[in-house]
N, C-alpha and C. Protein backbone atom coordinates (compact mmCIF):
# COMPACT_ATOMS: atom_id res chain seq x y z
N UNK A 1 186.96 293.35 226.22
CA UNK A 1 187.43 293.67 224.88
C UNK A 1 187.02 295.23 225.24
N UNK A 2 188.40 295.66 223.95
CA UNK A 2 188.67 297.35 224.10
C UNK A 2 187.78 297.74 223.30
N UNK A 3 187.04 298.21 222.90
CA UNK A 3 186.57 299.34 221.80
C UNK A 3 187.34 299.49 221.01
N UNK A 4 187.23 299.43 220.04
CA UNK A 4 188.10 300.15 218.83
C UNK A 4 188.04 300.83 217.78
N UNK A 5 188.48 302.48 217.06
CA UNK A 5 187.45 302.45 216.11
C UNK A 5 188.12 301.71 214.82
N UNK A 6 187.48 301.84 214.54
CA UNK A 6 188.02 301.46 212.60
C UNK A 6 188.99 301.28 211.98
N UNK A 7 189.26 303.09 211.76
CA UNK A 7 190.71 303.25 211.96
C UNK A 7 191.78 303.09 212.63
N UNK A 8 191.21 302.42 213.97
CA UNK A 8 192.33 302.44 214.43
C UNK A 8 192.48 301.08 214.52
N UNK A 9 191.85 299.66 214.19
CA UNK A 9 191.72 298.31 213.52
C UNK A 9 192.66 298.66 212.56
N UNK A 10 192.54 299.64 211.61
CA UNK A 10 193.30 299.52 210.16
C UNK A 10 194.84 299.72 210.98
N UNK A 11 194.77 301.21 211.16
CA UNK A 11 196.33 301.02 211.97
C UNK A 11 197.16 300.27 212.37
N UNK A 12 196.26 299.71 213.86
CA UNK A 12 196.97 298.47 214.58
C UNK A 12 197.06 297.22 213.50
N UNK A 13 196.34 297.48 212.57
CA UNK A 13 197.11 295.43 211.52
C UNK A 13 198.03 296.42 211.01
N UNK A 14 197.96 297.24 210.17
CA UNK A 14 199.31 297.92 209.94
C UNK A 14 200.25 296.79 210.38
N UNK A 15 200.31 297.48 211.47
CA UNK A 15 201.20 297.84 212.74
C UNK A 15 202.00 296.14 213.05
N UNK A 16 200.97 295.41 213.38
CA UNK A 16 201.30 294.50 213.15
C UNK A 16 202.43 293.71 212.32
N UNK A 17 201.47 294.30 210.95
CA UNK A 17 202.70 293.62 209.80
C UNK A 17 204.13 294.16 209.31
N UNK A 18 204.31 295.53 210.52
CA UNK A 18 206.06 296.48 210.38
C UNK A 18 205.51 297.47 209.91
N UNK A 19 204.61 297.84 209.38
CA UNK A 19 204.80 299.39 208.73
C UNK A 19 205.16 300.32 210.04
N UNK A 20 205.95 301.01 209.98
CA UNK A 20 206.40 302.13 210.12
C UNK A 20 205.08 303.22 210.23
N UNK A 21 205.17 304.21 211.37
CA UNK A 21 203.53 305.50 211.21
C UNK A 21 203.87 305.93 209.82
N UNK A 22 204.99 306.14 209.58
CA UNK A 22 205.30 306.96 207.97
C UNK A 22 204.45 306.13 206.75
N UNK A 23 204.71 304.67 206.76
CA UNK A 23 204.08 303.75 205.75
C UNK A 23 202.37 303.54 205.64
N UNK A 24 202.37 303.47 207.61
CA UNK A 24 201.14 303.76 207.29
C UNK A 24 200.10 304.96 206.88
N UNK A 25 200.76 306.10 207.40
CA UNK A 25 199.96 307.27 206.63
C UNK A 25 199.87 307.46 205.52
N UNK A 26 201.03 306.77 204.54
CA UNK A 26 200.87 307.46 203.41
C UNK A 26 199.83 305.95 202.71
N UNK A 27 199.69 304.73 203.18
CA UNK A 27 199.11 303.53 203.26
C UNK A 27 197.60 303.97 202.98
N UNK A 28 197.03 304.82 204.17
CA UNK A 28 195.85 304.96 204.12
C UNK A 28 195.49 306.51 204.00
N UNK A 29 196.51 307.69 203.02
CA UNK A 29 195.90 308.56 203.08
C UNK A 29 195.29 309.31 204.14
N UNK A 30 196.14 309.22 205.50
CA UNK A 30 196.44 309.99 206.64
C UNK A 30 197.67 311.14 206.73
N UNK A 31 197.44 311.60 207.94
CA UNK A 31 198.47 312.30 208.09
C UNK A 31 199.86 311.16 209.06
N UNK A 32 200.74 311.54 209.33
CA UNK A 32 201.68 311.01 210.27
C UNK A 32 201.10 311.21 211.85
N UNK A 33 201.15 312.63 211.79
CA UNK A 33 200.46 313.28 213.18
C UNK A 33 199.35 312.20 213.58
N UNK A 34 198.12 311.97 212.92
CA UNK A 34 196.74 311.41 213.00
C UNK A 34 197.17 309.26 213.28
N UNK A 35 197.82 309.55 212.72
CA UNK A 35 198.70 307.63 213.05
C UNK A 35 199.69 308.07 214.25
N UNK A 36 200.30 308.53 214.16
CA UNK A 36 200.77 308.68 216.29
C UNK A 36 199.51 308.96 216.78
N UNK A 37 198.49 309.29 216.38
CA UNK A 37 197.21 309.77 217.57
C UNK A 37 196.89 308.55 217.68
N UNK A 38 196.39 307.31 216.76
CA UNK A 38 195.93 306.41 216.90
C UNK A 38 197.09 305.41 217.43
N UNK A 39 197.57 305.77 217.31
CA UNK A 39 199.04 304.86 217.72
C UNK A 39 198.88 304.74 219.53
N UNK A 40 198.89 305.97 220.07
CA UNK A 40 198.70 306.54 222.12
C UNK A 40 197.48 305.58 221.94
N UNK A 41 196.45 306.09 221.39
CA UNK A 41 195.07 305.72 221.63
C UNK A 41 195.51 304.31 221.63
N UNK A 42 196.03 303.84 220.74
CA UNK A 42 195.87 301.97 221.26
C UNK A 42 196.30 301.49 222.17
N UNK A 43 197.53 302.92 222.82
CA UNK A 43 197.93 301.98 223.66
C UNK A 43 197.81 302.23 225.15
N UNK A 44 196.96 303.41 225.25
CA UNK A 44 196.03 303.70 226.27
C UNK A 44 195.66 302.79 226.15
N UNK A 45 193.69 302.75 225.17
CA UNK A 45 193.40 301.72 225.53
C UNK A 45 193.86 300.29 226.16
N UNK A 46 194.87 299.64 225.12
CA UNK A 46 195.51 298.70 225.55
C UNK A 46 196.70 298.54 227.21
N UNK A 47 196.47 299.29 227.36
CA UNK A 47 197.80 299.50 228.33
C UNK A 47 199.04 299.42 228.55
N UNK A 48 199.30 299.23 227.21
CA UNK A 48 200.47 298.99 226.16
C UNK A 48 201.92 299.64 226.54
N UNK A 49 202.82 299.28 226.97
CA UNK A 49 204.67 300.45 227.19
C UNK A 49 204.74 300.82 225.40
N UNK A 50 204.50 299.92 224.44
CA UNK A 50 204.96 299.97 223.09
C UNK A 50 204.49 299.29 222.37
N UNK A 51 204.76 299.27 220.98
CA UNK A 51 203.83 299.02 219.53
C UNK A 51 203.94 297.25 219.97
N UNK A 52 205.37 296.54 220.61
CA UNK A 52 204.59 295.06 220.32
C UNK A 52 204.05 294.67 221.41
N UNK A 53 204.44 295.34 222.08
CA UNK A 53 203.02 295.39 223.51
C UNK A 53 201.83 295.82 222.67
N UNK A 54 201.74 296.40 222.43
CA UNK A 54 200.59 296.88 222.01
C UNK A 54 200.11 295.17 220.77
N UNK A 55 200.76 295.16 220.07
CA UNK A 55 200.24 293.84 219.48
C UNK A 55 200.01 293.20 220.03
N UNK A 56 200.20 293.15 221.05
CA UNK A 56 200.35 291.17 221.58
C UNK A 56 198.88 291.01 222.75
N UNK A 57 199.36 292.50 223.52
CA UNK A 57 197.15 292.52 224.14
C UNK A 57 196.83 292.93 223.53
N UNK A 58 196.40 293.37 222.11
CA UNK A 58 195.20 293.23 221.38
C UNK A 58 195.50 292.13 220.61
N UNK A 59 195.81 290.52 220.89
CA UNK A 59 195.71 289.73 220.12
C UNK A 59 195.27 289.15 218.26
N UNK A 60 196.38 288.96 217.10
CA UNK A 60 196.38 289.28 216.07
C UNK A 60 195.64 288.30 215.31
N UNK A 61 194.60 287.29 215.70
CA UNK A 61 193.16 287.01 215.50
C UNK A 61 192.16 288.17 215.63
N UNK A 62 192.17 288.78 216.29
CA UNK A 62 191.34 289.97 215.78
C UNK A 62 190.59 291.11 214.91
N UNK A 63 192.90 290.81 214.05
CA UNK A 63 193.33 292.24 213.43
C UNK A 63 192.16 291.36 212.08
N UNK A 64 192.44 290.44 211.64
CA UNK A 64 192.10 289.73 210.68
C UNK A 64 192.72 289.66 210.09
N UNK A 65 194.02 289.31 209.52
CA UNK A 65 195.30 289.41 209.01
C UNK A 65 195.14 288.23 208.06
N UNK A 66 194.89 288.23 207.66
CA UNK A 66 194.92 286.35 206.33
C UNK A 66 196.96 285.99 207.31
N UNK A 67 197.79 286.64 207.40
CA UNK A 67 199.20 286.37 207.36
C UNK A 67 199.15 285.12 208.84
N UNK A 68 198.20 285.73 209.93
CA UNK A 68 197.65 285.58 211.36
C UNK A 68 196.50 284.73 211.86
N UNK A 69 195.90 285.04 210.79
CA UNK A 69 194.14 284.52 210.72
C UNK A 69 194.72 283.40 211.63
N UNK A 70 195.17 282.26 211.30
CA UNK A 70 195.23 280.75 211.94
C UNK A 70 196.13 280.95 213.34
N UNK A 71 196.39 281.70 213.84
CA UNK A 71 197.32 281.55 215.06
C UNK A 71 196.26 281.15 216.03
């Protein structure tokens, strides 16, 4: 498993819920550019070409999102 930071995990969880970078930035009170940086780092860590592939490769259950917990 790839090691991700707590903030990357938060970003990934919100991304999996369909939020945009702008929405994630507002929700986490961080800049849009910081969100984009986290997304880029996550794509590198999971060798993903896009956000959909990133969420798939990361595996939803590890994100502990209530809507996806039982998948």
